[in-house]
Amino acid sequence: MNEFVWQDGVSATLIVGDTHLETVCHGAGPEQAPTIILLHEGLGCVALWRDFPQRLAAATGFGVFAYSRAGYGNSDPCPLPRPIDYMTEEALQTLPQVLKLIGFQQGLLMGHSDGATIAAIHAGMSGDLRVRGIVLMAPHFFAEPDGLDSIAQARANFQSGDLRNRLAKYHANVDCAFFGWNDAWLDPQFKNWNVTEVIDYLRIPVLAIQGEEDEYGSLAQIDEIDSRIYSPLEVEIMENCGHSPHIEQPEKTLKIITDFADRLRRIESEVVSVSR
């Protein structure tokens, strides 16, 4: 276990068990401000957030912490094949250790795609009271036929198109990154994968952002949240937007998230007066 030092704008390595994870911090540390934890998509990593973490820290005043999960970016590779429940494992086994090591005190989980699912599972199932809200961009709670078709097409693009070369710029072990995700989703058993139950246990505010033209998931994912959730839910359906709102419409996405964070901060800081 290494001693983690929060340094604004500095990349560092976090050791979780025997695994070295690539990380970067922006803005104030956990002892000075709430923290937003960024959880990347199934083919993402620290670098693929681009400049969004820096901009998010500047806009919200929160600290922002991003890490590349095992198998991604410059983190250590992971054993393959990944299990069908790899997102649940990350949410309930690895993420709690990451939060402990960085000294997380309170704040938000913000996930994209697989990362959104991980955020929801952790918030719903871990009992972590430090998490005061979650931002879910393009979340998935169950497999959809059209989404699986898009994932199969990604495999074809990786094997015979330019996807492998494009991803190799960001992942030290590009085959581990791609097939760890792709093989799990295309496993015949994954058609029955379903974690919608975690929505029932959410007791904190949720912001769900979905692109209308998302090729990996439909509005049925958002409808599932709306039909099951007991806690406050804000939904933003973005027109002319696909799977990555923070890349395709960064200004609008940044404002939506900043407004959500500001509302939560005001709620946290309210002093309730009691009449006597």
Protein backbone atom coordinates (compact mmCIF):
# COMPACT_ATOMS: atom_id res chain seq x y z
CA MET A 1 0.00 0.00 0.00
CA ASN A 2 1.45 3.37 -0.97
CA GLU A 3 0.92 6.77 0.64
CA PHE A 4 -1.15 8.78 -1.81
CA VAL A 5 -0.42 12.50 -2.12
CA TRP A 6 -3.02 14.67 -3.84
CA GLN A 7 -1.30 17.08 -6.24
CA ASP A 8 -3.31 19.28 -8.58
CA GLY A 9 -2.72 18.32 -12.21
CA VAL A 10 -0.21 15.60 -11.38
CA SER A 11 -0.39 12.00 -12.58
CA ALA A 12 0.52 9.37 -10.00
CA THR A 13 0.38 5.64 -9.39
CA LEU A 14 -1.97 4.17 -6.81
CA ILE A 15 -1.22 0.65 -5.61
CA VAL A 16 -4.35 -1.38 -4.83
CA GLY A 17 -3.30 -4.78 -3.56
CA ASP A 18 -0.63 -5.78 -6.07
CA THR A 19 -2.07 -3.69 -8.91
CA HIS A 20 -0.63 -0.37 -10.03
CA LEU A 21 -3.32 2.04 -11.20
CA GLU A 22 -2.78 5.19 -13.23
CA THR A 23 -4.38 8.27 -11.61
CA VAL A 24 -4.64 12.03 -11.94
CA CYS A 25 -5.99 14.71 -9.60
CA HIS A 26 -7.33 18.18 -10.30
CA GLY A 27 -8.34 20.96 -7.95
CA ALA A 28 -8.57 20.83 -4.17
CA GLY A 29 -7.84 17.71 -2.14
CA PRO A 30 -10.46 15.78 -0.13
CA GLU A 31 -9.65 17.64 3.08
CA GLN A 32 -10.43 20.99 1.42
CA ALA A 33 -13.48 20.34 -0.78
CA PRO A 34 -15.85 17.60 -1.91
CA THR A 35 -14.42 15.23 -4.49
CA ILE A 36 -15.80 14.00 -7.80
CA ILE A 37 -14.60 10.50 -8.66
CA LEU A 38 -14.53 9.85 -12.41
CA LEU A 39 -15.22 6.29 -13.59
CA HIS A 40 -14.48 5.73 -17.26
CA GLU A 41 -16.27 3.74 -19.96
CA GLY A 42 -15.51 0.20 -21.12
CA LEU A 43 -12.74 1.33 -23.47
CA GLY A 44 -11.74 4.44 -21.55
CA CYS A 45 -8.89 5.52 -19.31
CA VAL A 46 -7.54 8.68 -17.66
CA ALA A 47 -6.34 10.19 -20.94
CA LEU A 48 -9.63 9.63 -22.74
CA TRP A 49 -11.43 12.02 -20.39
CA ARG A 50 -9.37 14.65 -22.27
CA ASP A 51 -9.61 18.06 -20.59
CA PHE A 52 -13.01 17.43 -19.00
CA PRO A 53 -11.62 16.68 -15.49
CA GLN A 54 -9.71 19.97 -15.35
CA ARG A 55 -12.70 21.92 -16.57
CA LEU A 56 -14.99 20.13 -14.12
CA ALA A 57 -12.74 21.00 -11.18
CA ALA A 58 -12.57 24.65 -12.24
CA ALA A 59 -16.33 24.94 -12.81
CA THR A 60 -17.50 23.20 -9.63
CA GLY A 61 -14.77 24.04 -7.13
CA PHE A 62 -14.72 20.33 -6.26
CA GLY A 63 -11.60 18.21 -6.44
CA VAL A 64 -11.67 15.73 -9.31
CA PHE A 65 -9.96 12.34 -9.23
CA ALA A 66 -9.73 9.96 -12.19
CA TYR A 67 -8.12 6.56 -12.44
CA SER A 68 -7.65 3.94 -15.13
CA ARG A 69 -9.05 0.60 -14.02
CA ALA A 70 -6.83 -2.46 -14.24
CA GLY A 71 -6.35 -3.40 -17.89
CA TYR A 72 -6.72 0.17 -19.15
CA GLY A 73 -4.48 3.11 -19.92
CA ASN A 74 -1.14 2.81 -18.15
CA SER A 75 -2.51 0.70 -15.31
CA ASP A 76 -1.40 -2.90 -14.85
CA PRO A 77 -3.16 -5.46 -17.04
CA CYS A 78 -5.93 -7.62 -15.59
CA PRO A 79 -6.52 -11.38 -15.90
CA LEU A 80 -8.63 -12.36 -18.89
CA PRO A 81 -11.33 -13.25 -19.52
CA ARG A 82 -13.15 -10.83 -17.29
CA PRO A 83 -16.10 -12.35 -15.42
CA ILE A 84 -19.61 -11.41 -16.46
CA ASP A 85 -20.02 -9.47 -13.19
CA TYR A 86 -16.80 -7.47 -13.61
CA MET A 87 -18.61 -4.16 -13.05
CA THR A 88 -20.00 -5.38 -9.73
CA GLU A 89 -16.54 -6.57 -8.68
CA GLU A 90 -15.07 -3.16 -9.49
CA ALA A 91 -17.85 -1.35 -7.61
CA LEU A 92 -17.74 -3.41 -4.44
CA GLN A 93 -14.13 -4.63 -4.25
CA THR A 94 -11.73 -2.27 -6.02
CA LEU A 95 -13.46 1.11 -5.81
CA PRO A 96 -13.79 1.04 -2.00
CA GLN A 97 -10.03 0.49 -1.73
CA VAL A 98 -9.35 3.36 -4.15
CA LEU A 99 -11.56 5.71 -2.14
CA LYS A 100 -9.84 4.72 1.11
CA LEU A 101 -6.34 5.19 -0.28
CA ILE A 102 -7.00 8.70 -1.63
CA GLY A 103 -8.66 9.84 1.60
CA PHE A 104 -12.10 10.36 0.06
CA GLN A 105 -14.34 12.13 2.59
CA GLN A 106 -17.46 13.08 0.67
CA GLY A 107 -18.57 13.92 -2.84
CA LEU A 108 -19.93 12.51 -6.05
CA LEU A 109 -19.34 9.49 -8.24
CA MET A 110 -19.51 10.34 -11.93
CA GLY A 111 -19.44 7.46 -14.36
CA HIS A 112 -19.66 7.05 -18.12
CA SER A 113 -21.13 3.86 -19.64
CA ASP A 114 -19.51 0.95 -17.71
CA GLY A 115 -18.32 3.57 -15.23
CA ALA A 116 -21.89 4.78 -14.70
CA THR A 117 -22.98 1.24 -13.92
CA ILE A 118 -20.10 0.88 -11.46
CA ALA A 119 -21.09 4.16 -9.80
CA ALA A 120 -24.72 3.05 -9.42
CA ILE A 121 -23.76 -0.35 -8.02
CA HIS A 122 -21.41 1.19 -5.46
CA ALA A 123 -23.92 3.84 -4.42
CA GLY A 124 -26.77 1.37 -4.18
CA MET A 125 -25.08 -1.64 -2.63
CA SER A 126 -22.06 -0.53 -0.58
CA GLY A 127 -23.75 1.61 2.06
CA ASP A 128 -21.09 4.29 1.50
CA LEU A 129 -22.51 7.39 3.19
CA ARG A 130 -19.68 9.56 1.88
CA VAL A 131 -21.24 9.42 -1.59
CA ARG A 132 -23.80 12.24 -1.63
CA GLY A 133 -24.87 11.98 -5.28
CA ILE A 134 -24.10 10.24 -8.55
CA VAL A 135 -23.87 11.37 -12.16
CA LEU A 136 -24.68 8.61 -14.66
CA MET A 137 -23.77 9.27 -18.31
CA ALA A 138 -25.05 6.62 -20.72
CA PRO A 139 -25.58 4.04 -17.96
CA HIS A 140 -26.57 0.46 -18.63
CA PHE A 141 -28.34 -1.85 -16.23
CA PHE A 142 -29.28 -4.61 -18.66
CA ALA A 143 -28.16 -5.79 -22.08
CA GLU A 144 -30.04 -4.60 -25.16
CA PRO A 145 -29.92 -6.34 -28.58
CA ASP A 146 -29.00 -3.17 -30.48
CA GLY A 147 -26.25 -2.38 -28.00
CA LEU A 148 -24.81 -5.88 -28.34
CA ASP A 149 -24.89 -5.47 -32.12
CA SER A 150 -22.84 -2.28 -31.79
CA ILE A 151 -20.36 -4.08 -29.56
CA ALA A 152 -20.03 -6.84 -32.16
CA GLN A 153 -19.37 -4.16 -34.78
CA ALA A 154 -16.68 -2.69 -32.55
CA ARG A 155 -14.99 -6.09 -32.56
CA ALA A 156 -14.97 -6.13 -36.35
CA ASN A 157 -13.53 -2.60 -36.40
CA PHE A 158 -10.84 -3.61 -33.92
CA GLN A 159 -9.82 -6.69 -35.88
CA SER A 160 -9.94 -5.32 -39.41
CA GLY A 161 -10.44 -1.56 -39.14
CA ASP A 162 -8.57 1.30 -37.48
CA LEU A 163 -9.98 0.95 -33.97
CA ARG A 164 -7.00 -1.01 -32.67
CA ASN A 165 -4.52 1.65 -33.78
CA ARG A 166 -6.66 4.44 -32.34
CA LEU A 167 -6.97 2.73 -28.96
CA ALA A 168 -3.29 1.78 -28.85
CA LYS A 169 -2.47 5.47 -28.39
CA TYR A 170 -4.12 5.36 -24.98
CA HIS A 171 -3.70 1.81 -23.65
CA ALA A 172 -0.35 0.21 -22.85
CA ASN A 173 -1.92 -3.23 -23.41
CA VAL A 174 -4.55 -2.54 -26.02
CA ASP A 175 -5.60 -6.19 -26.42
CA CYS A 176 -6.25 -6.48 -22.70
CA ALA A 177 -8.29 -3.27 -22.72
CA PHE A 178 -10.39 -4.21 -25.72
CA PHE A 179 -10.98 -7.92 -25.25
CA GLY A 180 -11.49 -7.61 -21.52
CA TRP A 181 -14.53 -5.49 -22.31
CA ASN A 182 -15.62 -6.96 -25.63
CA ASP A 183 -15.36 -10.65 -24.75
CA ALA A 184 -17.44 -10.14 -21.60
CA TRP A 185 -20.22 -8.29 -23.40
CA LEU A 186 -20.30 -10.79 -26.29
CA ASP A 187 -20.34 -13.82 -24.01
CA PRO A 188 -23.68 -15.59 -24.73
CA GLN A 189 -24.53 -15.39 -21.01
CA PHE A 190 -24.31 -11.61 -21.05
CA LYS A 191 -27.65 -11.38 -22.83
CA ASN A 192 -29.20 -12.16 -19.45
CA TRP A 193 -27.02 -9.74 -17.47
CA ASN A 194 -29.19 -7.44 -15.37
CA VAL A 195 -28.34 -5.25 -12.38
CA THR A 196 -31.50 -3.15 -12.28
CA GLU A 197 -32.05 -4.16 -8.65
CA VAL A 198 -29.34 -1.72 -7.54
CA ILE A 199 -31.61 1.18 -8.54
CA ASP A 200 -34.06 0.14 -5.81
CA TYR A 201 -31.44 0.80 -3.13
CA LEU A 202 -30.34 4.27 -4.21
CA ARG A 203 -31.08 6.88 -1.53
CA ILE A 204 -29.13 9.86 -2.88
CA PRO A 205 -29.76 12.35 -5.71
CA VAL A 206 -29.08 11.02 -9.19
CA LEU A 207 -28.36 12.90 -12.41
CA ALA A 208 -28.82 10.73 -15.52
CA ILE A 209 -27.56 12.00 -18.89
CA GLN A 210 -28.34 10.15 -22.12
CA GLY A 211 -27.73 10.92 -25.76
CA GLU A 212 -30.73 10.30 -28.00
CA GLU A 213 -28.50 8.67 -30.61
CA ASP A 214 -26.46 6.47 -28.26
CA GLU A 215 -25.55 3.35 -30.21
CA TYR A 216 -24.80 1.30 -27.09
CA GLY A 217 -27.93 1.93 -25.05
CA SER A 218 -31.44 3.29 -25.47
CA LEU A 219 -33.71 5.49 -23.39
CA ALA A 220 -35.04 2.26 -21.89
CA GLN A 221 -32.09 2.44 -19.48
CA ILE A 222 -33.23 5.85 -18.25
CA ASP A 223 -36.86 4.71 -18.09
CA GLU A 224 -35.74 1.85 -15.85
CA ILE A 225 -34.16 4.29 -13.42
CA ASP A 226 -37.24 6.50 -13.43
CA SER A 227 -39.63 3.61 -12.81
CA ARG A 228 -37.69 2.16 -9.87
CA ILE A 229 -35.88 4.94 -8.05
CA TYR A 230 -36.98 6.27 -4.65
CA SER A 231 -34.51 9.15 -4.43
CA PRO A 232 -34.48 12.46 -6.37
CA LEU A 233 -33.77 11.98 -10.07
CA GLU A 234 -32.83 14.56 -12.70
CA VAL A 235 -32.78 13.45 -16.33
CA GLU A 236 -31.15 15.17 -19.29
CA ILE A 237 -31.85 13.69 -22.73
CA MET A 238 -29.47 15.29 -25.19
CA GLU A 239 -30.48 15.73 -28.82
CA ASN A 240 -28.01 15.05 -31.62
CA CYS A 241 -25.79 13.23 -29.16
CA GLY A 242 -24.45 9.70 -29.09
CA HIS A 243 -22.65 7.69 -26.42
CA SER A 244 -20.29 10.36 -25.05
CA PRO A 245 -22.04 13.60 -24.03
CA HIS A 246 -18.92 15.03 -22.36
CA ILE A 247 -17.02 14.71 -25.65
CA GLU A 248 -19.78 15.45 -28.16
CA GLN A 249 -21.42 18.33 -26.26
CA PRO A 250 -18.89 19.30 -23.59
CA GLU A 251 -20.20 22.80 -22.78
CA LYS A 252 -23.77 21.68 -22.20
CA THR A 253 -22.68 18.59 -20.28
CA LEU A 254 -20.35 20.61 -18.07
CA LYS A 255 -23.12 23.08 -17.21
CA ILE A 256 -25.61 20.31 -16.39
CA ILE A 257 -23.16 18.61 -14.04
CA THR A 258 -21.99 21.87 -12.47
CA ASP A 259 -25.57 22.92 -11.74
CA PHE A 260 -26.26 19.52 -10.16
CA ALA A 261 -23.12 19.75 -8.01
CA ASP A 262 -24.04 23.31 -6.94
CA ARG A 263 -27.51 22.22 -5.85
CA LEU A 264 -26.07 19.37 -3.80
CA ARG A 265 -23.53 21.68 -2.18
CA ARG A 266 -26.29 24.11 -1.18
CA ILE A 267 -28.31 21.29 0.32
CA GLU A 268 -25.28 20.07 2.27
CA SER A 269 -24.52 23.55 3.62
CA GLU A 270 -28.06 24.47 4.62
CA VAL A 271 -28.58 25.12 8.30
CA VAL A 272 -32.04 24.11 9.44
CA SER A 273 -33.35 26.36 12.20
CA VAL A 274 -35.58 24.82 14.82
CA SER A 275 -38.28 27.00 16.39
CA ARG A 276 -38.62 26.86 20.13
